[in-house]
C-alpha atoms as a PDB file:
ATOM      1  CA  MET A   1     -29.357 117.450 -73.404  1.00  0.00           C
ATOM      2  CA  ASN A   2     -27.519 114.121 -73.504  1.00  0.00           C
ATOM      3  CA  ASN A   3     -28.274 114.119 -77.167  1.00  0.00           C
ATOM      4  CA  ALA A   4     -25.882 116.793 -77.814  1.00  0.00           C
ATOM      5  CA  PHE A   5     -23.191 115.212 -75.605  1.00  0.00           C
ATOM      6  CA  LEU A   6     -23.144 112.160 -77.547  1.00  0.00           C
ATOM      7  CA  THR A   7     -23.408 113.956 -80.917  1.00  0.00           C
ATOM      8  CA  ARG A   8     -20.514 116.234 -79.767  1.00  0.00           C
ATOM      9  CA  ILE A   9     -18.341 113.037 -78.811  1.00  0.00           C
ATOM     10  CA  ASN A  10     -19.167 111.190 -82.144  1.00  0.00           C
ATOM     11  CA  ASN A  11     -18.112 113.886 -84.227  1.00  0.00           C
ATOM     12  CA  ALA A  12     -14.669 114.197 -82.242  1.00  0.00           C
ATOM     13  CA  ARG A  13     -11.209 112.618 -82.758  1.00  0.00           C
ATOM     14  CA  LYS A  14      -9.060 114.272 -80.479  1.00  0.00           C
ATOM     15  CA  ILE A  15     -10.548 115.514 -77.005  1.00  0.00           C
ATOM     16  CA  LEU A  16      -8.833 117.753 -74.255  1.00  0.00           C
ATOM     17  CA  ILE A  17     -10.048 117.162 -70.636  1.00  0.00           C
ATOM     18  CA  THR A  18      -9.623 120.340 -68.475  1.00  0.00           C
ATOM     19  CA  THR A  19     -10.749 120.687 -64.556  1.00  0.00           C
ATOM     20  CA  HIS A  20     -10.369 123.020 -61.912  1.00  0.00           C
ATOM     21  CA  LYS A  21      -7.072 124.711 -60.383  1.00  0.00           C
ATOM     22  CA  SER A  22      -5.811 122.693 -57.093  1.00  0.00           C
ATOM     23  CA  PRO A  23      -7.521 119.550 -58.394  1.00  0.00           C
ATOM     24  CA  ASP A  24      -9.063 117.548 -55.711  1.00  0.00           C
ATOM     25  CA  GLY A  25     -10.003 113.988 -55.984  1.00  0.00           C
ATOM     26  CA  ASP A  26     -13.799 114.820 -57.550  1.00  0.00           C
ATOM     27  CA  ALA A  27     -11.374 116.828 -60.526  1.00  0.00           C
ATOM     28  CA  ILE A  28      -9.209 113.558 -60.774  1.00  0.00           C
ATOM     29  CA  GLY A  29     -11.386 111.342 -60.510  1.00  0.00           C
ATOM     30  CA  SER A  30     -14.002 112.774 -62.938  1.00  0.00           C
ATOM     31  CA  SER A  31     -11.436 113.885 -65.415  1.00  0.00           C
ATOM     32  CA  VAL A  32      -9.360 110.026 -65.365  1.00  0.00           C
ATOM     33  CA  ALA A  33     -12.950 108.201 -65.793  1.00  0.00           C
ATOM     34  CA  CYS A  34     -13.788 110.656 -68.456  1.00  0.00           C
ATOM     35  CA  ALA A  35     -10.187 109.734 -70.190  1.00  0.00           C
ATOM     36  CA  HIS A  36     -10.965 106.100 -70.014  1.00  0.00           C
ATOM     37  CA  PHE A  37     -14.447 106.370 -71.242  1.00  0.00           C
ATOM     38  CA  LEU A  38     -13.401 108.195 -74.347  1.00  0.00           C
ATOM     39  CA  LYS A  39     -10.444 106.205 -74.949  1.00  0.00           C
ATOM     40  CA  ALA A  40     -12.709 102.950 -75.065  1.00  0.00           C
ATOM     41  CA  GLN A  41     -14.695 104.236 -77.854  1.00  0.00           C
ATOM     42  CA  ASN A  42     -11.087 104.971 -79.917  1.00  0.00           C
ATOM     43  CA  LYS A  43     -10.876 109.023 -79.013  1.00  0.00           C
ATOM     44  CA  GLU A  44      -7.171 110.143 -78.388  1.00  0.00           C
ATOM     45  CA  VAL A  45      -7.472 111.695 -75.244  1.00  0.00           C
ATOM     46  CA  LEU A  46      -5.151 114.457 -72.927  1.00  0.00           C
ATOM     47  CA  ILE A  47      -5.849 115.832 -69.716  1.00  0.00           C
ATOM     48  CA  LEU A  48      -4.826 119.440 -69.105  1.00  0.00           C
ATOM     49  CA  LEU A  49      -4.755 120.403 -65.291  1.00  0.00           C
ATOM     50  CA  PRO A  50      -3.598 123.608 -64.224  1.00  0.00           C
ATOM     51  CA  ASP A  51      -1.493 122.542 -61.840  1.00  0.00           C
ATOM     52  CA  LEU A  52      -0.704 119.080 -60.220  1.00  0.00           C
ATOM     53  CA  PRO A  53      -2.850 117.282 -57.508  1.00  0.00           C
ATOM     54  CA  ALA A  54      -1.498 116.339 -54.068  1.00  0.00           C
ATOM     55  CA  LYS A  55       0.784 113.160 -53.968  1.00  0.00           C
ATOM     56  CA  ASN A  56      -1.855 110.737 -52.706  1.00  0.00           C
ATOM     57  CA  LEU A  57      -4.342 111.451 -55.971  1.00  0.00           C
ATOM     58  CA  MET A  58      -1.085 111.091 -58.598  1.00  0.00           C
ATOM     59  CA  SER A  59      -1.891 107.425 -58.754  1.00  0.00           C
ATOM     60  CA  PHE A  60      -4.851 107.741 -60.616  1.00  0.00           C
ATOM     61  CA  LEU A  61      -3.588 109.529 -63.505  1.00  0.00           C
ATOM     62  CA  ASP A  62      -1.254 106.180 -64.311  1.00  0.00           C
ATOM     63  CA  ASP A  63      -2.262 104.734 -67.949  1.00  0.00           C
ATOM     64  CA  ILE A  64      -3.597 108.403 -69.053  1.00  0.00           C
ATOM     65  CA  PRO A  65      -1.728 110.906 -70.969  1.00  0.00           C
ATOM     66  CA  PHE A  66      -1.725 114.259 -68.997  1.00  0.00           C
ATOM     67  CA  LEU A  67       0.119 117.642 -68.594  1.00  0.00           C
ATOM     68  CA  VAL A  68       0.345 120.719 -66.324  1.00  0.00           C
ATOM     69  CA  TYR A  69      -0.398 123.891 -68.310  1.00  0.00           C
ATOM     70  CA  ASP A  70       3.185 124.856 -67.719  1.00  0.00           C
ATOM     71  CA  ASP A  71       4.308 122.088 -69.855  1.00  0.00           C
ATOM     72  CA  PHE A  72       1.351 122.351 -72.497  1.00  0.00           C
ATOM     73  CA  SER A  73       2.281 123.606 -76.086  1.00  0.00           C
ATOM     74  CA  GLU A  74      -0.692 125.210 -77.221  1.00  0.00           C
ATOM     75  CA  GLN A  75      -1.999 123.513 -80.847  1.00  0.00           C
ATOM     76  CA  GLN A  76      -5.735 124.554 -80.965  1.00  0.00           C
ATOM     77  CA  SER A  77      -6.185 123.193 -84.128  1.00  0.00           C
ATOM     78  CA  SER A  78      -5.164 119.616 -82.951  1.00  0.00           C
ATOM     79  CA  PHE A  79      -8.136 119.319 -80.699  1.00  0.00           C
ATOM     80  CA  ASP A  80     -11.677 119.227 -81.785  1.00  0.00           C
ATOM     81  CA  LEU A  81     -13.609 119.172 -78.436  1.00  0.00           C
ATOM     82  CA  MET A  82     -13.208 120.130 -74.749  1.00  0.00           C
ATOM     83  CA  MET A  83     -14.260 118.562 -71.897  1.00  0.00           C
ATOM     84  CA  CYS A  84     -15.120 120.842 -69.123  1.00  0.00           C
ATOM     85  CA  LEU A  85     -15.439 119.062 -65.657  1.00  0.00           C
ATOM     86  CA  ASP A  86     -15.838 119.750 -61.997  1.00  0.00           C
ATOM     87  CA  TYR A  87     -16.070 123.602 -62.720  1.00  0.00           C
ATOM     88  CA  ASN A  88     -18.423 126.106 -63.949  1.00  0.00           C
ATOM     89  CA  HIS A  89     -16.671 129.589 -64.395  1.00  0.00           C
ATOM     90  CA  THR A  90     -13.461 129.735 -66.480  1.00  0.00           C
ATOM     91  CA  PHE A  91     -11.740 131.852 -63.554  1.00  0.00           C
ATOM     92  CA  ARG A  92     -11.545 128.529 -61.999  1.00  0.00           C
ATOM     93  CA  VAL A  93      -8.845 126.795 -64.012  1.00  0.00           C
ATOM     94  CA  GLY A  94      -6.555 129.768 -63.021  1.00  0.00           C
ATOM     95  CA  GLU A  95      -5.422 132.775 -64.354  1.00  0.00           C
ATOM     96  CA  GLU A  96      -3.091 131.516 -67.353  1.00  0.00           C
ATOM     97  CA  MET A  97      -4.931 128.242 -68.328  1.00  0.00           C
ATOM     98  CA  GLU A  98      -8.137 130.398 -68.379  1.00  0.00           C
ATOM     99  CA  LYS A  99      -7.021 132.063 -72.076  1.00  0.00           C
ATOM    100  CA  ILE A 100      -7.151 128.652 -73.521  1.00  0.00           C
ATOM    101  CA  VAL A 101     -10.869 127.726 -71.705  1.00  0.00           C
ATOM    102  CA  SER A 102     -12.569 130.887 -72.808  1.00  0.00           C
ATOM    103  CA  ASN A 103     -10.745 131.768 -76.246  1.00  0.00           C
ATOM    104  CA  TRP A 104     -10.460 128.176 -77.858  1.00  0.00           C
ATOM    105  CA  VAL A 105     -13.065 127.973 -80.282  1.00  0.00           C
ATOM    106  CA  ILE A 106     -14.113 124.395 -80.271  1.00  0.00           C
ATOM    107  CA  PRO A 107     -17.147 122.779 -78.841  1.00  0.00           C
ATOM    108  CA  LYS A 108     -16.891 122.577 -75.324  1.00  0.00           C
ATOM    109  CA  ILE A 109     -18.939 120.257 -73.002  1.00  0.00           C
ATOM    110  CA  MET A 110     -19.443 121.330 -69.198  1.00  0.00           C
ATOM    111  CA  ILE A 111     -19.955 118.478 -66.573  1.00  0.00           C
ATOM    112  CA  ASP A 112     -20.523 120.013 -63.397  1.00  0.00           C
ATOM    113  CA  HIS A 113     -22.239 119.878 -59.725  1.00  0.00           C
ATOM    114  CA  HIS A 114     -21.666 123.496 -58.537  1.00  0.00           C
ATOM    115  CA  PRO A 115     -24.388 125.859 -58.876  1.00  0.00           C
ATOM    116  CA  LYS A 116     -25.293 128.737 -61.091  1.00  0.00           C
ATOM    117  CA  PRO A 117     -23.085 127.488 -63.975  1.00  0.00           C
ATOM    118  CA  SER A 118     -21.927 130.450 -66.451  1.00  0.00           C
ATOM    119  CA  SER A 119     -22.579 129.818 -70.137  1.00  0.00           C
ATOM    120  CA  PHE A 120     -19.175 129.271 -72.003  1.00  0.00           C
ATOM    121  CA  CYS A 121     -19.910 125.803 -73.023  1.00  0.00           C
ATOM    122  CA  GLU A 122     -22.283 124.619 -76.057  1.00  0.00           C
ATOM    123  CA  VAL A 123     -23.204 121.908 -74.183  1.00  0.00           C
ATOM    124  CA  THR A 124     -23.899 122.134 -70.220  1.00  0.00           C
ATOM    125  CA  ILE A 125     -24.753 119.199 -68.065  1.00  0.00           C
ATOM    126  CA  SER A 126     -25.146 120.899 -64.476  1.00  0.00           C
ATOM    127  CA  ARG A 127     -26.893 119.393 -61.880  1.00  0.00           C
ATOM    128  CA  PRO A 128     -26.133 121.105 -58.033  1.00  0.00           C
ATOM    129  CA  GLU A 129     -28.091 118.628 -56.614  1.00  0.00           C
ATOM    130  CA  VAL A 130     -26.092 115.660 -57.311  1.00  0.00           C
ATOM    131  CA  CYS A 131     -23.169 114.960 -54.897  1.00  0.00           C
ATOM    132  CA  SER A 132     -20.099 114.968 -56.914  1.00  0.00           C
ATOM    133  CA  THR A 133     -19.064 115.762 -60.469  1.00  0.00           C
ATOM    134  CA  ALA A 134     -18.042 112.282 -61.126  1.00  0.00           C
ATOM    135  CA  GLN A 135     -21.267 110.751 -59.972  1.00  0.00           C
ATOM    136  CA  LEU A 136     -22.760 112.880 -62.287  1.00  0.00           C
ATOM    137  CA  LEU A 137     -20.693 111.655 -65.349  1.00  0.00           C
ATOM    138  CA  TYR A 138     -21.716 108.150 -64.404  1.00  0.00           C
ATOM    139  CA  GLU A 139     -25.385 109.118 -64.415  1.00  0.00           C
ATOM    140  CA  VAL A 140     -24.679 111.171 -68.070  1.00  0.00           C
ATOM    141  CA  ILE A 141     -22.869 107.978 -69.292  1.00  0.00           C
ATOM    142  CA  GLU A 142     -25.529 105.573 -68.125  1.00  0.00           C
ATOM    143  CA  GLU A 143     -28.718 107.405 -69.374  1.00  0.00           C
ATOM    144  CA  CYS A 144     -26.918 107.251 -72.917  1.00  0.00           C
ATOM    145  CA  GLY A 145     -26.636 103.250 -72.397  1.00  0.00           C
ATOM    146  CA  LEU A 146     -22.814 103.329 -72.330  1.00  0.00           C
ATOM    147  CA  ILE A 147     -22.174 102.260 -69.104  1.00  0.00           C
ATOM    148  CA  ASN A 148     -20.360  98.867 -70.571  1.00  0.00           C
ATOM    149  CA  LEU A 149     -17.686 101.638 -71.841  1.00  0.00           C
ATOM    150  CA  LEU A 150     -16.780 102.014 -68.223  1.00  0.00           C
ATOM    151  CA  ASN A 151     -13.803  99.821 -67.334  1.00  0.00           C
ATOM    152  CA  THR A 152     -12.434  98.891 -63.735  1.00  0.00           C
ATOM    153  CA  LYS A 153      -9.996 102.052 -63.728  1.00  0.00           C
ATOM    154  CA  ALA A 154     -12.949 104.197 -64.528  1.00  0.00           C
ATOM    155  CA  ALA A 155     -14.896 102.963 -62.218  1.00  0.00           C
ATOM    156  CA  GLU A 156     -12.258 103.142 -59.343  1.00  0.00           C
ATOM    157  CA  ALA A 157     -11.759 106.845 -60.345  1.00  0.00           C
ATOM    158  CA  ILE A 158     -15.934 107.640 -60.351  1.00  0.00           C
ATOM    159  CA  TYR A 159     -15.358 106.103 -56.912  1.00  0.00           C
ATOM    160  CA  LEU A 160     -12.821 108.626 -55.745  1.00  0.00           C
ATOM    161  CA  GLY A 161     -14.734 111.574 -56.809  1.00  0.00           C
ATOM    162  CA  ILE A 162     -17.937 110.249 -54.882  1.00  0.00           C
ATOM    163  CA  MET A 163     -15.780 109.336 -51.657  1.00  0.00           C
ATOM    164  CA  THR A 164     -13.607 112.304 -51.586  1.00  0.00           C
ATOM    165  CA  ASP A 165     -16.542 115.199 -52.170  1.00  0.00           C
ATOM    166  CA  THR A 166     -18.955 113.452 -50.024  1.00  0.00           C
ATOM    167  CA  GLY A 167     -16.528 112.870 -46.787  1.00  0.00           C
ATOM    168  CA  SER A 168     -16.695 109.556 -47.055  1.00  0.00           C
ATOM    169  CA  PHE A 169     -20.310 109.505 -47.818  1.00  0.00           C
ATOM    170  CA  ARG A 170     -21.275 111.355 -44.698  1.00  0.00           C
ATOM    171  CA  PHE A 171     -22.716 114.570 -46.344  1.00  0.00           C
ATOM    172  CA  PRO A 172     -26.261 115.493 -46.986  1.00  0.00           C
ATOM    173  CA  SER A 173     -24.972 115.287 -50.968  1.00  0.00           C
ATOM    174  CA  VAL A 174     -25.233 111.398 -50.767  1.00  0.00           C
ATOM    175  CA  THR A 175     -28.535 110.072 -51.884  1.00  0.00           C
ATOM    176  CA  ALA A 176     -30.077 106.346 -52.559  1.00  0.00           C
ATOM    177  CA  LYS A 177     -28.919 106.960 -56.141  1.00  0.00           C
ATOM    178  CA  THR A 178     -25.355 107.648 -54.794  1.00  0.00           C
ATOM    179  CA  HIS A 179     -25.627 103.903 -53.404  1.00  0.00           C
ATOM    180  CA  ASP A 180     -26.852 102.644 -56.495  1.00  0.00           C
ATOM    181  CA  VAL A 181     -24.017 103.924 -58.880  1.00  0.00           C
ATOM    182  CA  LEU A 182     -21.694 102.745 -55.628  1.00  0.00           C
ATOM    183  CA  LYS A 183     -23.138  99.450 -56.222  1.00  0.00           C
ATOM    184  CA  GLY A 184     -22.558  99.568 -59.951  1.00  0.00           C
ATOM    185  CA  LEU A 185     -18.981 100.711 -59.273  1.00  0.00           C
ATOM    186  CA  LEU A 186     -18.387  97.891 -57.288  1.00  0.00           C
ATOM    187  CA  GLU A 187     -19.766  95.416 -59.802  1.00  0.00           C
ATOM    188  CA  LYS A 188     -17.319  96.841 -62.408  1.00  0.00           C
ATOM    189  CA  GLY A 189     -14.572  95.380 -59.847  1.00  0.00           C
ATOM    190  CA  VAL A 190     -13.488  98.272 -57.726  1.00  0.00           C
ATOM    191  CA  LYS A 191     -12.289  97.241 -54.340  1.00  0.00           C
ATOM    192  CA  ALA A 192     -13.637 100.305 -52.407  1.00  0.00           C
ATOM    193  CA  PHE A 193     -10.790  99.644 -49.059  1.00  0.00           C
ATOM    194  CA  THR A 194      -7.880  99.856 -51.593  1.00  0.00           C
ATOM    195  CA  ILE A 195      -9.366 103.172 -52.698  1.00  0.00           C
ATOM    196  CA  HIS A 196      -9.748 104.527 -49.240  1.00  0.00           C
ATOM    197  CA  GLU A 197      -6.059 103.326 -48.469  1.00  0.00           C
ATOM    198  CA  ARG A 198      -4.492 105.040 -51.381  1.00  0.00           C
ATOM    199  CA  VAL A 199      -5.961 108.336 -50.518  1.00  0.00           C
ATOM    200  CA  PHE A 200      -6.072 108.085 -46.703  1.00  0.00           C
ATOM    201  CA  ASP A 201      -3.393 106.011 -45.766  1.00  0.00           C
ATOM    202  CA  GLN A 202      -0.253 107.344 -47.477  1.00  0.00           C
ATOM    203  CA  ASN A 203       0.648 110.211 -45.244  1.00  0.00           C
ATOM    204  CA  SER A 204       4.081 111.675 -44.401  1.00  0.00           C
ATOM    205  CA  LYS A 205       5.414 112.152 -40.886  1.00  0.00           C
ATOM    206  CA  ASN A 206       5.401 115.739 -41.318  1.00  0.00           C
ATOM    207  CA  ARG A 207       1.706 115.438 -42.562  1.00  0.00           C
ATOM    208  CA  VAL A 208       0.655 114.046 -39.293  1.00  0.00           C
ATOM    209  CA  LEU A 209       2.763 116.140 -37.145  1.00  0.00           C
ATOM    210  CA  LEU A 210       1.653 119.465 -39.099  1.00  0.00           C
ATOM    211  CA  ARG A 211      -2.049 118.028 -38.256  1.00  0.00           C
ATOM    212  CA  ALA A 212      -1.625 117.227 -34.772  1.00  0.00           C
ATOM    213  CA  TYR A 213      -0.417 120.868 -34.220  1.00  0.00           C
ATOM    214  CA  ALA A 214      -3.135 122.524 -36.512  1.00  0.00           C
ATOM    215  CA  ILE A 215      -5.531 120.561 -34.111  1.00  0.00           C
ATOM    216  CA  SER A 216      -3.967 120.890 -30.843  1.00  0.00           C
ATOM    217  CA  ASN A 217      -2.757 124.285 -31.272  1.00  0.00           C
ATOM    218  CA  LYS A 218      -4.466 126.253 -33.965  1.00  0.00           C
ATOM    219  CA  PHE A 219      -8.185 125.229 -33.252  1.00  0.00           C
ATOM    220  CA  HIS A 220     -10.339 127.795 -31.545  1.00  0.00           C
ATOM    221  CA  GLN A 221     -14.268 128.583 -31.141  1.00  0.00           C
ATOM    222  CA  ILE A 222     -15.401 131.875 -31.483  1.00  0.00           C
ATOM    223  CA  PRO A 223     -17.388 132.671 -28.003  1.00  0.00           C
ATOM    224  CA  ASP A 224     -20.855 132.589 -27.917  1.00  0.00           C
ATOM    225  CA  SER A 225     -21.365 130.937 -31.194  1.00  0.00           C
ATOM    226  CA  GLN A 226     -21.143 127.117 -33.252  1.00  0.00           C
ATOM    227  CA  ILE A 227     -18.126 128.448 -35.626  1.00  0.00           C
ATOM    228  CA  GLY A 228     -14.944 126.625 -34.434  1.00  0.00           C
ATOM    229  CA  TYR A 229     -11.670 127.574 -36.871  1.00  0.00           C
ATOM    230  CA  ILE A 230      -8.139 126.673 -37.484  1.00  0.00           C
ATOM    231  CA  THR A 231      -5.606 129.138 -38.929  1.00  0.00           C
ATOM    232  CA  LEU A 232      -2.355 128.198 -40.542  1.00  0.00           C
ATOM    233  CA  THR A 233       0.274 130.776 -41.405  1.00  0.00           C
ATOM    234  CA  GLN A 234       3.365 130.254 -44.142  1.00  0.00           C
ATOM    235  CA  GLU A 235       5.826 129.936 -41.398  1.00  0.00           C
ATOM    236  CA  GLU A 236       3.867 127.232 -39.773  1.00  0.00           C
ATOM    237  CA  LEU A 237       3.586 125.236 -42.682  1.00  0.00           C
ATOM    238  CA  LEU A 238       7.320 125.740 -43.371  1.00  0.00           C
ATOM    239  CA  ARG A 239       8.201 124.342 -39.841  1.00  0.00           C
ATOM    240  CA  TYR A 240       6.552 120.461 -41.091  1.00  0.00           C
ATOM    241  CA  ASN A 241       7.741 120.831 -44.398  1.00  0.00           C
ATOM    242  CA  TYR A 242       4.685 121.219 -46.474  1.00  0.00           C
ATOM    243  CA  LYS A 243       3.670 119.734 -49.155  1.00  0.00           C
ATOM    244  CA  LYS A 244       0.343 119.879 -51.011  1.00  0.00           C
ATOM    245  CA  GLY A 245      -2.558 118.283 -49.958  1.00  0.00           C
ATOM    246  CA  ASP A 246      -1.273 117.941 -46.359  1.00  0.00           C
ATOM    247  CA  THR A 247      -3.840 120.142 -44.602  1.00  0.00           C
ATOM    248  CA  GLU A 248      -6.609 118.740 -46.773  1.00  0.00           C
ATOM    249  CA  GLY A 249      -9.788 117.433 -44.726  1.00  0.00           C
ATOM    250  CA  LEU A 250      -8.601 119.655 -41.527  1.00  0.00           C
ATOM    251  CA  VAL A 251     -11.672 122.046 -42.041  1.00  0.00           C
ATOM    252  CA  ASN A 252     -13.736 118.992 -41.253  1.00  0.00           C
ATOM    253  CA  ILE A 253     -12.402 118.268 -38.071  1.00  0.00           C
ATOM    254  CA  PRO A 254     -14.025 120.687 -35.782  1.00  0.00           C
ATOM    255  CA  LEU A 255     -17.593 119.734 -37.148  1.00  0.00           C
ATOM    256  CA  SER A 256     -16.822 116.638 -35.321  1.00  0.00           C
ATOM    257  CA  ILE A 257     -16.649 118.484 -32.060  1.00  0.00           C
ATOM    258  CA  GLU A 258     -20.162 118.930 -30.041  1.00  0.00           C
ATOM    259  CA  GLY A 259     -21.417 122.208 -30.170  1.00  0.00           C
ATOM    260  CA  ILE A 260     -19.811 123.015 -33.639  1.00  0.00           C
ATOM    261  CA  SER A 261     -21.758 123.385 -36.858  1.00  0.00           C
ATOM    262  CA  ILE A 262     -19.767 125.694 -38.703  1.00  0.00           C
ATOM    263  CA  SER A 263     -16.002 125.260 -39.507  1.00  0.00           C
ATOM    264  CA  VAL A 264     -13.511 127.524 -41.396  1.00  0.00           C
ATOM    265  CA  PHE A 265     -10.040 126.469 -42.212  1.00  0.00           C
ATOM    266  CA  MET A 266      -7.843 129.690 -43.163  1.00  0.00           C
ATOM    267  CA  VAL A 267      -4.219 128.994 -44.413  1.00  0.00           C
ATOM    268  CA  GLU A 268      -1.871 131.697 -45.883  1.00  0.00           C
ATOM    269  CA  ASN A 269      -0.506 131.464 -49.198  1.00  0.00           C
ATOM    270  CA  GLU A 270       3.376 132.587 -50.133  1.00  0.00           C
ATOM    271  CA  GLU A 271       2.022 136.137 -51.026  1.00  0.00           C
ATOM    272  CA  GLY A 272       0.361 136.397 -47.633  1.00  0.00           C
ATOM    273  CA  LYS A 273      -2.955 136.264 -48.485  1.00  0.00           C
ATOM    274  CA  VAL A 274      -5.664 134.028 -47.101  1.00  0.00           C
ATOM    275  CA  LYS A 275      -7.455 130.957 -48.447  1.00  0.00           C
ATOM    276  CA  MET A 276     -10.586 129.958 -46.814  1.00  0.00           C
ATOM    277  CA  SER A 277     -12.548 126.554 -46.877  1.00  0.00           C
ATOM    278  CA  PHE A 278     -15.853 126.635 -44.900  1.00  0.00           C
ATOM    279  CA  ARG A 279     -18.111 123.681 -43.988  1.00  0.00           C
ATOM    280  CA  SER A 280     -21.374 123.519 -42.032  1.00  0.00           C
ATOM    281  CA  LYS A 281     -24.331 120.883 -41.004  1.00  0.00           C
ATOM    282  CA  GLY A 282     -27.607 121.243 -39.958  1.00  0.00           C
ATOM    283  CA  GLN A 283     -29.384 124.432 -40.713  1.00  0.00           C
ATOM    284  CA  PHE A 284     -26.504 126.682 -41.459  1.00  0.00           C
ATOM    285  CA  PHE A 285     -25.404 127.003 -45.023  1.00  0.00           C
ATOM    286  CA  VAL A 286     -22.068 128.581 -45.921  1.00  0.00           C
ATOM    287  CA  ASN A 287     -21.974 129.282 -50.135  1.00  0.00           C
ATOM    288  CA  GLU A 288     -23.886 132.684 -50.102  1.00  0.00           C
ATOM    289  CA  PHE A 289     -21.709 133.878 -47.013  1.00  0.00           C
ATOM    290  CA  ALA A 290     -18.525 133.245 -48.487  1.00  0.00           C
ATOM    291  CA  GLY A 291     -19.488 134.821 -51.777  1.00  0.00           C
ATOM    292  CA  ALA A 292     -20.898 137.741 -50.070  1.00  0.00           C
ATOM    293  CA  HIS A 293     -17.948 138.385 -47.407  1.00  0.00           C
ATOM    294  CA  PHE A 294     -14.723 136.556 -49.106  1.00  0.00           C
ATOM    295  CA  ASN A 295     -14.861 136.037 -52.785  1.00  0.00           C
ATOM    296  CA  GLY A 296     -16.009 132.685 -53.228  1.00  0.00           C
ATOM    297  CA  GLY A 297     -18.827 130.056 -53.443  1.00  0.00           C
ATOM    298  CA  GLY A 298     -19.766 126.562 -53.468  1.00  0.00           C
ATOM    299  CA  HIS A 299     -22.419 124.365 -51.813  1.00  0.00           C
ATOM    300  CA  LYS A 300     -24.712 124.899 -49.430  1.00  0.00           C
ATOM    301  CA  TYR A 301     -22.524 122.864 -46.742  1.00  0.00           C
ATOM    302  CA  ALA A 302     -19.156 123.171 -48.417  1.00  0.00           C
ATOM    303  CA  ALA A 303     -17.590 126.087 -49.713  1.00  0.00           C
ATOM    304  CA  GLY A 304     -14.460 128.219 -50.569  1.00  0.00           C
ATOM    305  CA  GLY A 305     -13.122 131.830 -50.114  1.00  0.00           C
ATOM    306  CA  PHE A 306     -10.195 134.372 -50.396  1.00  0.00           C
ATOM    307  CA  SER A 307      -8.882 137.142 -48.603  1.00  0.00           C
ATOM    308  CA  HIS A 308      -6.711 139.755 -50.310  1.00  0.00           C
ATOM    309  CA  GLU A 309      -5.839 140.721 -46.411  1.00  0.00           C
ATOM    310  CA  ASN A 310      -3.310 139.103 -44.185  1.00  0.00           C
ATOM    311  CA  ILE A 311      -4.331 136.160 -42.016  1.00  0.00           C
ATOM    312  CA  GLN A 312      -5.411 138.372 -38.582  1.00  0.00           C
ATOM    313  CA  THR A 313      -7.423 140.775 -40.455  1.00  0.00           C
ATOM    314  CA  THR A 314      -8.989 138.287 -42.401  1.00  0.00           C
ATOM    315  CA  LEU A 315      -9.644 136.701 -38.879  1.00  0.00           C
ATOM    316  CA  GLU A 316     -10.936 139.495 -37.582  1.00  0.00           C
ATOM    317  CA  LYS A 317     -13.220 140.071 -40.342  1.00  0.00           C
ATOM    318  CA  LEU A 318     -14.660 136.680 -40.077  1.00  0.00           C
ATOM    319  CA  ILE A 319     -15.252 137.173 -36.311  1.00  0.00           C
ATOM    320  CA  SER A 320     -16.899 140.389 -36.930  1.00  0.00           C
ATOM    321  CA  LEU A 321     -19.386 138.808 -39.592  1.00  0.00           C
ATOM    322  CA  ARG A 322     -20.133 135.761 -37.083  1.00  0.00           C
ATOM    323  CA  SER A 323     -23.646 136.864 -36.798  1.00  0.00           C
ATOM    324  CA  LYS A 324     -24.045 136.874 -40.452  1.00  0.00           C
ATOM    325  CA  LEU A 325     -22.385 133.479 -40.657  1.00  0.00           C
ATOM    326  CA  MET A 326     -24.659 131.905 -38.160  1.00  0.00           C
ATOM    327  CA  GLY A 327     -27.609 133.674 -40.282  1.00  0.00           C
END
């Protein structure tokens, strides 16, 4: 598989790097690292995002050309390879950008760590056991004997992806290999504390107040269960001048409370529908539940979902299904 990866890259001149909608740290980290890796081989690159990431991730895009899909002029013939990073189904890039990913007749390479990949790419490198797509990208480059092509900015981006997708290295997906990779990144010049500061220490006052409100007023535990949840409506978001990324990580807070093994965060969007995040620990897995009942999926301990009902109806459904969620 790595031979096919190298062959496709060697034969390409101009490469389009794509990732999923609402790009998180792993999406941005793997995309930016891939761009630096390709630029080191004198490839022309462009990162195409379905939408902008949260403000605290924007600085990692410095020095790399990128566009949001709304600003993109479709020139199919100008790209001869597409990288598909941190997603394994075309719908993950959003309805509009999916037209490009699905319909463009150019070679595509998938590098991803989510389970059950679809077959829309000529080369698929899928390893669900790896903690993040950023680490998987590092492993692939390492296996190809090309680690020397990773500069400090690429290493910082990979560190970003691993750090954010492992909850700062505390999820069960972290392995000895992860720490080997981190060692390699530090040897490339990464100053770990600066990555943490760039991601977690750039809070606005409103973001802190929103999170404080959510924890103190909107956290609840379903009676006779180990399930905690937080809900936020559009009105509550607007009250604190919500900006994209302000609720990132809130879903993890209930898991720090004694007696909580499953956490669900539900947030209302502008259409009155509900985006859901699931986290768990120990013997409890959330991906199959999210897929079966809330149009979602993901990893065993971290998954997403979506409800077309309002937030109150969604909450009532979640509570009614608590026994299934507890397994």
